[in-house]
Protein backbone atom coordinates (compact mmCIF):
# COMPACT_ATOMS: atom_id res chain seq x y z
CA MET A 1 161.71 92.72 143.04
CA LEU A 2 162.15 95.22 140.72
CA ASP A 3 163.17 92.49 137.64
CA GLN A 4 159.52 90.59 138.11
CA VAL A 5 158.01 93.68 136.96
CA ARG A 6 157.98 94.28 133.26
CA LYS A 7 158.14 97.45 130.63
CA LEU A 8 153.93 97.49 130.41
CA THR A 9 153.54 98.43 126.69
CA ALA A 10 151.92 101.80 125.96
CA ALA A 11 149.18 100.57 124.29
CA ALA A 12 147.90 97.98 127.11
CA VAL A 13 147.86 101.72 129.40
CA LEU A 14 145.79 103.73 127.02
CA SER A 15 143.50 100.41 126.86
CA ALA A 16 143.65 100.49 130.50
CA LEU A 17 143.01 104.45 130.89
CA ALA A 18 140.63 104.81 127.80
CA VAL A 19 137.72 103.60 129.77
CA ALA A 20 138.51 106.33 132.66
CA THR A 21 137.58 109.23 132.09
CA PRO A 22 138.18 111.60 135.04
CA VAL A 23 134.41 113.53 136.21
CA GLN A 24 136.58 115.10 139.60
CA ALA A 25 134.55 115.19 142.48
CA ASP A 26 133.16 118.54 144.17
CA GLY A 27 135.71 119.88 147.21
CA ILE A 28 133.39 120.73 148.97
CA MET A 29 133.70 119.96 152.87
CA GLU A 30 129.89 119.52 153.28
CA GLU A 31 129.58 117.58 149.89
CA PRO A 32 129.89 113.70 150.34
CA LEU A 33 133.12 112.17 149.83
CA PRO A 34 133.59 109.68 147.07
CA ARG A 35 133.87 106.24 147.11
CA PHE A 36 133.06 103.15 145.56
CA GLU A 37 128.99 101.83 145.69
CA ASP A 38 129.45 99.31 142.62
CA ARG A 39 130.79 95.88 142.90
CA ILE A 40 134.79 96.22 143.04
CA CYS A 41 136.92 93.86 141.11
CA PRO A 42 140.51 94.36 141.18
CA GLY A 43 143.20 94.49 138.52
CA VAL A 44 147.38 94.04 138.26
CA LEU A 45 148.99 94.84 135.05
CA GLY A 46 152.85 95.47 134.06
CA MET A 47 153.88 92.41 136.46
CA GLU A 48 154.70 88.81 135.53
CA ARG A 49 151.43 87.46 136.18
CA GLU A 50 152.42 84.98 139.76
CA TYR A 51 152.71 88.10 141.11
CA ALA A 52 150.56 89.75 139.48
CA GLU A 53 148.04 87.02 140.38
CA LEU A 54 148.76 86.89 144.16
CA MET A 55 148.60 90.87 144.53
CA VAL A 56 144.98 90.87 143.07
CA ALA A 57 143.86 88.36 146.03
CA HIS A 58 145.40 90.21 148.03
CA LEU A 59 143.39 93.13 146.94
CA ARG A 60 140.70 91.10 147.11
CA ASP A 61 141.25 90.31 150.95
CA ASN A 62 140.99 94.12 151.56
CA VAL A 63 138.19 94.99 149.86
CA GLU A 64 136.11 92.16 151.76
CA MET A 65 138.01 93.29 154.77
CA PHE A 66 136.18 97.08 154.75
CA GLY A 67 133.01 95.12 154.17
CA LEU A 68 133.06 96.26 150.16
CA ARG A 69 131.35 94.39 147.55
CA LEU A 70 133.49 92.38 145.19
CA ALA A 71 132.66 91.62 141.62
CA GLY A 72 132.59 87.46 141.13
CA SER A 73 135.45 85.24 141.56
CA GLU A 74 138.78 84.87 140.96
CA GLU A 75 137.85 82.10 139.13
CA GLU A 76 135.06 83.65 136.94
CA GLY A 77 136.87 86.98 136.28
CA CYS A 78 135.30 90.65 135.91
CA GLU A 79 136.27 93.76 134.16
CA PRO A 80 138.36 95.34 136.64
CA ASN A 81 137.48 99.20 137.38
CA LEU A 82 140.62 99.06 140.64
CA VAL A 83 143.40 98.52 138.53
CA ILE A 84 147.05 98.92 139.32
CA ALA A 85 149.44 99.85 136.97
CA PHE A 86 153.34 99.31 137.19
CA VAL A 87 154.93 101.29 134.35
CA ASP A 88 158.09 102.83 133.15
CA ASP A 89 157.24 106.64 133.77
CA GLY A 90 153.55 107.25 134.68
CA ARG A 91 154.12 111.14 134.93
CA GLY A 92 155.07 110.61 131.05
CA TYR A 93 152.00 108.23 130.40
CA LEU A 94 149.64 110.81 130.79
CA GLN A 95 150.88 113.72 129.72
CA GLU A 96 150.93 112.11 126.33
CA LEU A 97 147.62 110.71 126.79
CA MET A 98 146.17 114.86 127.73
CA GLN A 99 148.68 115.73 124.34
CA ARG A 100 146.38 112.82 122.30
CA ARG A 101 143.85 112.05 123.87
CA SER A 102 143.51 115.12 125.74
CA TYR A 103 138.94 114.25 125.11
CA LEU A 104 139.86 112.07 128.35
CA PHE A 105 140.56 114.68 130.65
CA ALA A 106 137.40 117.02 128.95
CA ASP A 107 135.77 117.16 132.24
CA MET A 108 138.56 118.35 134.16
CA ASP A 109 139.62 121.69 135.17
CA ARG A 110 143.42 122.81 134.41
CA PRO A 111 143.91 122.82 137.54
CA ASP A 112 143.03 119.15 138.20
CA ARG A 113 144.80 118.11 134.90
CA GLU A 114 147.73 119.98 136.21
CA GLU A 115 147.76 118.57 139.81
CA LEU A 116 147.66 115.07 138.18
CA VAL A 117 151.19 115.65 136.42
CA ALA A 118 153.39 117.83 139.39
CA GLY A 119 155.74 116.70 141.42
CA ASP A 120 158.29 114.19 141.48
CA ALA A 121 156.59 111.34 142.79
CA PRO A 122 156.95 108.02 141.45
CA TYR A 123 153.25 107.20 141.44
CA ARG A 124 150.06 109.41 140.35
CA VAL A 125 145.99 108.45 140.62
CA TRP A 126 143.35 108.97 138.87
CA HIS A 127 139.78 107.73 139.69
CA GLN A 128 136.62 108.32 137.55
CA VAL A 129 133.59 109.86 139.90
CA ALA A 130 129.85 110.07 139.43
CA ALA A 131 127.60 112.14 141.18
CA ARG A 132 124.40 110.00 141.65
CA THR A 133 120.77 110.24 144.02
CA ARG A 134 120.63 108.90 147.73
CA ASP A 135 119.14 105.86 145.18
CA GLY A 136 121.98 105.49 142.85
CA ILE A 137 120.67 107.06 139.93
CA ARG A 138 122.79 108.97 137.66
CA VAL A 139 123.01 112.92 138.46
CA GLY A 140 124.43 114.18 134.38
CA SER A 141 126.84 116.35 134.14
CA ARG A 142 126.29 120.41 133.83
CA GLU A 143 125.70 121.78 130.25
CA ASN A 144 126.02 125.04 131.10
CA LEU A 145 125.52 127.75 133.97
CA THR A 146 121.59 128.61 133.25
CA GLN A 147 120.18 124.76 133.21
CA PRO A 148 121.66 122.41 136.47
CA PRO A 149 121.47 118.75 136.06
CA GLU A 150 118.20 117.59 137.82
CA ALA A 151 117.51 114.19 139.58
CA GLY A 152 113.44 113.97 141.13
CA MET A 153 113.50 111.62 144.48
CA TRP A 154 111.10 111.28 147.58
CA GLN A 155 113.45 112.68 150.10
CA ALA A 156 112.68 114.54 153.24
CA HIS A 157 114.73 118.05 154.19
CA SER A 158 117.72 117.03 156.58
CA ARG A 159 121.05 118.47 157.61
CA ILE A 160 123.00 115.21 158.52
CA TYR A 161 123.18 114.09 155.00
CA ARG A 162 122.96 115.40 151.47
CA PRO A 163 120.78 114.12 148.12
CA VAL A 164 123.61 113.61 146.16
CA ARG A 165 126.36 111.13 146.90
CA HIS A 166 129.88 111.07 144.36
CA ASP A 167 130.77 107.05 143.87
CA ILE A 168 133.78 105.89 142.31
CA THR A 169 133.05 104.07 139.20
CA TYR A 170 136.97 103.86 138.79
CA ALA A 171 140.79 103.87 140.02
CA LEU A 172 143.78 104.03 138.28
CA VAL A 173 147.07 103.62 140.67
CA LEU A 174 150.09 103.72 138.09
CA ILE A 175 153.55 103.13 139.45
CA ASP A 176 156.91 103.67 138.35
CA SER A 177 158.53 100.45 138.32
CA ALA A 178 162.17 101.78 139.12
CA ALA A 179 160.85 102.31 142.63
CA VAL A 180 159.15 99.18 143.89
CA GLU A 181 162.36 97.57 144.49
CA GLY A 182 163.20 96.04 148.04
CA LEU A 183 159.09 96.34 148.18
CA THR A 184 156.92 93.60 149.08
CA LEU A 185 153.72 92.51 147.55
CA ARG A 186 151.58 92.73 149.97
CA GLN A 187 153.13 96.89 150.91
CA LEU A 188 151.83 97.68 147.17
CA ALA A 189 148.56 95.93 147.37
CA ASP A 190 147.96 97.85 150.82
CA PHE A 191 149.12 101.29 149.27
CA ALA A 192 146.97 100.74 146.26
CA THR A 193 144.55 99.74 148.34
CA LEU A 194 144.59 103.01 150.32
CA GLN A 195 144.86 105.14 147.32
CA ALA A 196 142.05 103.61 145.26
CA LEU A 197 139.21 103.66 147.09
CA ALA A 198 139.76 106.87 149.31
CA THR A 199 140.29 111.02 147.24
CA GLU A 200 140.40 111.94 150.56
CA PHE A 201 142.45 111.45 153.77
CA PRO A 202 142.21 113.94 156.91
CA ASP A 203 145.06 116.18 157.84
CA GLY A 204 148.56 115.57 158.38
CA ALA A 205 147.38 111.24 157.57
CA GLU A 206 150.41 111.52 155.33
CA ASP A 207 152.92 112.48 158.06
CA ASN A 208 151.69 109.88 160.28
CA PRO A 209 155.28 107.33 160.79
CA GLY A 210 152.70 104.45 160.30
CA SER A 211 150.82 105.35 157.40
CA MET A 212 150.87 103.87 154.18
CA LEU A 213 150.97 107.03 152.44
CA ARG A 214 155.00 107.26 153.62
CA LEU A 215 155.51 104.05 151.26
CA PHE A 216 157.70 106.46 148.73
CA GLU A 217 159.10 109.01 150.95
CA GLY A 218 162.37 107.00 151.01
CA ASP A 219 162.66 107.15 154.71
CA ASP A 220 162.19 104.00 155.88
CA THR A 221 159.11 104.92 157.69
CA ALA A 222 156.20 102.77 155.89
CA PRO A 223 154.51 99.61 157.63
CA GLU A 224 155.14 96.28 156.62
CA SER A 225 150.90 96.36 156.16
CA LEU A 226 148.26 99.09 156.53
CA GLY A 227 148.96 101.35 159.29
CA PRO A 228 146.05 102.04 162.82
CA VAL A 229 144.87 105.19 160.91
CA ASP A 230 145.01 103.63 157.55
CA ALA A 231 142.50 100.99 157.92
CA GLU A 232 141.01 103.38 160.84
CA TRP A 233 140.35 106.11 157.79
CA LEU A 234 138.67 103.43 155.37
CA ALA A 235 136.71 101.75 157.83
CA GLN A 236 134.74 105.17 158.50
CA LEU A 237 134.82 106.09 155.35
CA TYR A 238 133.16 102.91 154.03
CA ASN A 239 130.70 102.93 157.22
CA GLY A 240 126.93 103.78 156.80
CA ILE A 241 125.10 105.86 153.83
CA PRO A 242 127.29 107.51 151.24
CA ASN A 243 125.66 110.35 151.40
CA LEU A 244 127.37 112.23 154.90
CA PRO A 245 128.85 115.19 154.59
CA ALA A 246 132.27 114.93 154.27
CA SER A 247 132.84 117.29 157.67
CA MET A 248 131.48 114.07 159.43
CA ARG A 249 133.55 111.57 157.82
CA LEU A 250 136.36 113.74 159.04
CA ARG A 251 135.23 114.32 162.02
CA SER A 252 134.53 110.53 163.02
CA VAL A 253 137.90 109.58 162.41
CA GLU A 254 139.41 112.31 164.84
CA VAL A 255 137.42 110.77 167.22
CA ALA A 256 137.91 107.20 166.48
CA THR A 257 141.78 107.76 166.87
CA ALA A 258 142.27 109.98 169.56
CA ASP A 259 144.11 109.30 172.08
């Protein structure tokens, strides 16, 4: 598989990243978890065309499997907003970007920027997240401490759902090309699906031997495709309205996967 992956030029990676200004969603457990609401267009960079097309096809199948909407057909083409890029050194590319194009990371807190490049994992995941009202109206970013962003709408008071949702508008999964040796296109596509569609995972998900989250752990425990817990988590995350509190989402997957 390794010899099928081409070197991705810095210009191509910078072009892909330039459209993904990062905005991090609130991590409070009562805030809704980010998820895609817009139509999804998968794209693959840094791989031979034949294999990239096969991988895109599998990504599209995964998106439809979880009930998400696709942007156009494979023949019509679309502007990718879920991108998987195979690069020589994902960490190095992001560090270079932070130095040369710091404005791309202006909306990220310093700890979030540091976490993005920390560690030796052979992959990096970057989500662009936008706050929107229940009805999809964009909520502006906070300019200062005295004038928080506001959006008006009709809504009855409720503790069940929140007035604001968090939409993933762009997801980028960077994978070091040297790390794909021996892996199948399906494994890579399923791993990218899991990482791109979700920003958070239930406690202990990474330790589940059947989870695709273990693909790059190097202990041969990763499955050949999305594991049952992976699939259930994505199913619960994208089930129902988008503005449910995170605690309710996490509780639902705990109930669904309980023995």
